[in-house]
Each structure stands twice: as C-alpha cells, then as structure tokens.
C-alpha atoms as a PDB file:
ATOM      1  CA  UNK A   1     122.728  98.138 122.343  1.00  0.00           C
ATOM      2  CA  UNK A   2     121.850 101.771 122.089  1.00  0.00           C
ATOM      3  CA  UNK A   3     120.362 102.944 118.377  1.00  0.00           C
ATOM      4  CA  UNK A   4     121.948 106.155 117.221  1.00  0.00           C
ATOM      5  CA  UNK A   5     119.385 108.683 116.172  1.00  0.00           C
ATOM      6  CA  UNK A   6     119.893 110.517 112.755  1.00  0.00           C
ATOM      7  CA  UNK A   7     119.352 114.341 113.144  1.00  0.00           C
ATOM      8  CA  UNK A   8     117.141 115.801 110.454  1.00  0.00           C
ATOM      9  CA  UNK A   9     118.690 119.178 109.146  1.00  0.00           C
ATOM     10  CA  UNK A  10     117.300 122.077 107.183  1.00  0.00           C
ATOM     11  CA  UNK A  11     118.965 123.968 104.732  1.00  0.00           C
ATOM     12  CA  UNK A  12     116.993 126.981 102.984  1.00  0.00           C
ATOM     13  CA  UNK A  13     117.809 129.635 100.461  1.00  0.00           C
ATOM     14  CA  UNK A  14     116.855 130.750  96.871  1.00  0.00           C
ATOM     15  CA  UNK A  15     117.857 129.501  93.402  1.00  0.00           C
ATOM     16  CA  UNK A  16     117.894 131.063  89.884  1.00  0.00           C
ATOM     17  CA  UNK A  17     116.820 128.741  86.957  1.00  0.00           C
ATOM     18  CA  UNK A  18     117.171 128.526  83.171  1.00  0.00           C
ATOM     19  CA  UNK A  19     115.038 126.283  81.108  1.00  0.00           C
ATOM     20  CA  UNK A  20     116.026 125.700  77.435  1.00  0.00           C
ATOM     21  CA  UNK A  21     113.507 123.848  75.257  1.00  0.00           C
ATOM     22  CA  UNK A  22     115.070 121.077  73.408  1.00  0.00           C
ATOM     23  CA  UNK A  23     113.798 120.284  69.709  1.00  0.00           C
ATOM     24  CA  UNK A  24     111.993 116.792  69.997  1.00  0.00           C
ATOM     25  CA  UNK A  25     109.471 117.399  67.383  1.00  0.00           C
ATOM     26  CA  UNK A  26     109.110 113.591  66.905  1.00  0.00           C
ATOM     27  CA  UNK A  27     108.242 113.011  70.489  1.00  0.00           C
ATOM     28  CA  UNK A  28     104.483 113.393  72.137  1.00  0.00           C
ATOM     29  CA  UNK A  29     106.087 115.399  75.223  1.00  0.00           C
ATOM     30  CA  UNK A  30     108.257 118.533  75.675  1.00  0.00           C
ATOM     31  CA  UNK A  31     112.005 118.173  76.831  1.00  0.00           C
ATOM     32  CA  UNK A  32     113.975 120.765  78.451  1.00  0.00           C
ATOM     33  CA  UNK A  33     117.561 121.273  79.966  1.00  0.00           C
ATOM     34  CA  UNK A  34     117.541 122.644  83.411  1.00  0.00           C
ATOM     35  CA  UNK A  35     120.539 124.981  84.766  1.00  0.00           C
ATOM     36  CA  UNK A  36     120.362 126.366  88.443  1.00  0.00           C
ATOM     37  CA  UNK A  37     122.444 128.300  90.832  1.00  0.00           C
ATOM     38  CA  UNK A  38     121.707 127.859  94.357  1.00  0.00           C
ATOM     39  CA  UNK A  39     122.626 130.047  97.029  1.00  0.00           C
ATOM     40  CA  UNK A  40     121.968 130.250 100.700  1.00  0.00           C
ATOM     41  CA  UNK A  41     122.596 126.882 102.691  1.00  0.00           C
ATOM     42  CA  UNK A  42     123.063 125.192  99.390  1.00  0.00           C
ATOM     43  CA  UNK A  43     125.839 126.888  97.260  1.00  0.00           C
ATOM     44  CA  UNK A  44     126.428 125.245  93.917  1.00  0.00           C
ATOM     45  CA  UNK A  45     124.998 124.321  90.633  1.00  0.00           C
ATOM     46  CA  UNK A  46     122.201 122.121  89.246  1.00  0.00           C
ATOM     47  CA  UNK A  47     122.159 120.697  85.901  1.00  0.00           C
ATOM     48  CA  UNK A  48     119.594 118.193  84.329  1.00  0.00           C
ATOM     49  CA  UNK A  49     116.763 117.333  81.884  1.00  0.00           C
ATOM     50  CA  UNK A  50     112.844 117.802  82.369  1.00  0.00           C
ATOM     51  CA  UNK A  51     110.259 115.871  80.526  1.00  0.00           C
ATOM     52  CA  UNK A  52     106.770 117.245  80.463  1.00  0.00           C
ATOM     53  CA  UNK A  53     103.309 116.962  78.995  1.00  0.00           C
ATOM     54  CA  UNK A  54     100.119 119.284  79.282  1.00  0.00           C
ATOM     55  CA  UNK A  55      96.871 118.093  77.915  1.00  0.00           C
ATOM     56  CA  UNK A  56      94.595 120.400  75.986  1.00  0.00           C
ATOM     57  CA  UNK A  57      92.323 120.263  79.185  1.00  0.00           C
ATOM     58  CA  UNK A  58      95.251 121.717  81.067  1.00  0.00           C
ATOM     59  CA  UNK A  59      96.297 118.749  83.158  1.00  0.00           C
ATOM     60  CA  UNK A  60     100.262 118.718  83.121  1.00  0.00           C
ATOM     61  CA  UNK A  61     102.887 116.330  84.322  1.00  0.00           C
ATOM     62  CA  UNK A  62     106.849 116.736  84.551  1.00  0.00           C
ATOM     63  CA  UNK A  63     109.626 114.394  85.603  1.00  0.00           C
ATOM     64  CA  UNK A  64     113.195 115.336  85.814  1.00  0.00           C
ATOM     65  CA  UNK A  65     116.554 114.441  86.902  1.00  0.00           C
ATOM     66  CA  UNK A  66     118.966 117.012  88.312  1.00  0.00           C
ATOM     67  CA  UNK A  67     122.584 116.754  89.268  1.00  0.00           C
ATOM     68  CA  UNK A  68     123.503 119.220  92.140  1.00  0.00           C
ATOM     69  CA  UNK A  69     127.211 119.871  92.815  1.00  0.00           C
ATOM     70  CA  UNK A  70     128.453 122.320  95.635  1.00  0.00           C
ATOM     71  CA  UNK A  71     128.292 122.665  99.043  1.00  0.00           C
ATOM     72  CA  UNK A  72     125.456 121.913 101.680  1.00  0.00           C
ATOM     73  CA  UNK A  73     125.850 123.872 104.908  1.00  0.00           C
ATOM     74  CA  UNK A  74     129.639 123.755 104.406  1.00  0.00           C
ATOM     75  CA  UNK A  75     129.900 120.155 103.347  1.00  0.00           C
ATOM     76  CA  UNK A  76     131.266 119.473  99.730  1.00  0.00           C
ATOM     77  CA  UNK A  77     130.197 117.009  97.257  1.00  0.00           C
ATOM     78  CA  UNK A  78     127.301 115.983  94.941  1.00  0.00           C
ATOM     79  CA  UNK A  79     123.927 114.063  94.744  1.00  0.00           C
ATOM     80  CA  UNK A  80     121.005 113.530  92.199  1.00  0.00           C
ATOM     81  CA  UNK A  81     117.533 115.154  92.660  1.00  0.00           C
ATOM     82  CA  UNK A  82     114.609 113.198  91.245  1.00  0.00           C
ATOM     83  CA  UNK A  83     111.544 115.660  90.363  1.00  0.00           C
ATOM     84  CA  UNK A  84     107.852 114.486  89.732  1.00  0.00           C
ATOM     85  CA  UNK A  85     105.207 116.945  89.523  1.00  0.00           C
ATOM     86  CA  UNK A  86     101.416 116.946  88.678  1.00  0.00           C
ATOM     87  CA  UNK A  87      98.887 119.701  87.941  1.00  0.00           C
ATOM     88  CA  UNK A  88      95.232 119.750  87.151  1.00  0.00           C
ATOM     89  CA  UNK A  89      92.369 122.253  88.092  1.00  0.00           C
ATOM     90  CA  UNK A  90      91.579 120.121  91.206  1.00  0.00           C
ATOM     91  CA  UNK A  91      94.961 119.194  92.539  1.00  0.00           C
ATOM     92  CA  UNK A  92      98.713 119.962  92.597  1.00  0.00           C
ATOM     93  CA  UNK A  93     101.846 117.798  93.763  1.00  0.00           C
ATOM     94  CA  UNK A  94     105.425 118.082  93.379  1.00  0.00           C
ATOM     95  CA  UNK A  95     107.806 115.708  94.950  1.00  0.00           C
ATOM     96  CA  UNK A  96     111.677 116.103  94.854  1.00  0.00           C
ATOM     97  CA  UNK A  97     113.701 113.682  96.574  1.00  0.00           C
ATOM     98  CA  UNK A  98     117.442 112.845  96.776  1.00  0.00           C
ATOM     99  CA  UNK A  99     118.315 109.718  95.003  1.00  0.00           C
ATOM    100  CA  UNK A 100     119.234 107.053  97.466  1.00  0.00           C
ATOM    101  CA  UNK A 101     123.057 106.140  97.069  1.00  0.00           C
ATOM    102  CA  UNK A 102     123.913 109.188  94.734  1.00  0.00           C
ATOM    103  CA  UNK A 103     125.724 111.199  97.334  1.00  0.00           C
ATOM    104  CA  UNK A 104     129.410 111.809  96.602  1.00  0.00           C
ATOM    105  CA  UNK A 105     132.357 113.103  98.765  1.00  0.00           C
ATOM    106  CA  UNK A 106     131.086 114.626 102.071  1.00  0.00           C
ATOM    107  CA  UNK A 107     127.586 114.247 100.881  1.00  0.00           C
ATOM    108  CA  UNK A 108     128.119 110.615 100.321  1.00  0.00           C
ATOM    109  CA  UNK A 109     125.404 109.369 102.915  1.00  0.00           C
ATOM    110  CA  UNK A 110     122.714 112.340 102.229  1.00  0.00           C
ATOM    111  CA  UNK A 111     119.076 111.623 101.889  1.00  0.00           C
ATOM    112  CA  UNK A 112     116.072 113.906 102.051  1.00  0.00           C
ATOM    113  CA  UNK A 113     113.683 115.814 100.041  1.00  0.00           C
ATOM    114  CA  UNK A 114     113.655 119.269  98.437  1.00  0.00           C
ATOM    115  CA  UNK A 115     110.565 121.709  98.419  1.00  0.00           C
ATOM    116  CA  UNK A 116     110.300 124.566  96.081  1.00  0.00           C
ATOM    117  CA  UNK A 117     107.991 127.610  96.293  1.00  0.00           C
ATOM    118  CA  UNK A 118     107.969 130.750  94.272  1.00  0.00           C
ATOM    119  CA  UNK A 119     107.055 134.177  95.599  1.00  0.00           C
ATOM    120  CA  UNK A 120     107.201 137.493  93.421  1.00  0.00           C
ATOM    121  CA  UNK A 121     109.261 135.744  90.753  1.00  0.00           C
ATOM    122  CA  UNK A 122     111.688 134.337  93.155  1.00  0.00           C
ATOM    123  CA  UNK A 123     112.378 130.647  93.492  1.00  0.00           C
ATOM    124  CA  UNK A 124     112.891 129.600  97.012  1.00  0.00           C
ATOM    125  CA  UNK A 125     113.922 126.019  98.273  1.00  0.00           C
ATOM    126  CA  UNK A 126     113.930 124.114 101.679  1.00  0.00           C
ATOM    127  CA  UNK A 127     116.039 120.919 101.689  1.00  0.00           C
ATOM    128  CA  UNK A 128     115.239 118.612 104.572  1.00  0.00           C
ATOM    129  CA  UNK A 129     117.875 115.994 104.935  1.00  0.00           C
ATOM    130  CA  UNK A 130     120.022 113.579 106.897  1.00  0.00           C
ATOM    131  CA  UNK A 131     123.588 113.215 106.311  1.00  0.00           C
END
C-alpha cells in the first residue's frame, strides 16, 4: 500500500491589528481584545482575546486565542489560532499554531503554524500549512 504524502503549503502577506485593553482591575494580568484584517494569501479577519503579564524586571508572557474567518489561497472557511509568547532580556519566543480539529468548510482539515514579523511598523505573516 502506497502512503500519500501531504504537501506543505505557504501563504504570506500582511495584516493590520487593533488591540483594545479591557477593564480587568481585579485580575493580576492584562487582557485585550484582538481584531485583525489579513491580506495576501490569507484574506479575512481574525478576532480574539489576549491575556498578558509583564514583570517589573521586564519579563513578559502572553497567550491568545484568535478565530480566523476568510480565505486561505482561495479556499473559504475558518479555524482557530493559539498564540503563546515569551520575552526576557535573554530570550524571545512566539509560537502560533492552528488548533487541531478547528477548521471549518473548505479549511476543515487545515493544520499548521503562523509566523509573525514586524518591519517598519508593518505586520507580516507566513502561514505554513497542510490541507
């Protein structure tokens, strides 16, 4: 029996993001809503929530859940992105993955990861995925 190989695909482009702080004065962390508009090979919107914490020493961490709805290289649907970030004076990491089983419509079987970079005030993304 011959195994079928899955092709790794790449989608890239830019996005605009709006972060709105929420009033959680009793909580020991900050919370924001996230609204994004993607263009390029991803065309659509992202909406979600982020929880973050920064220490007095400058170490910071955040976690977020973002719901993407739109098209990926011409295929319509939606999926969930899970963000996990960390920053200190010695190290930085950012991991954003598609939540397994979250794909809907033509994106039902999507899996993969999203990378974000920022250059000259512009947010860029590269989505590496399988469908």
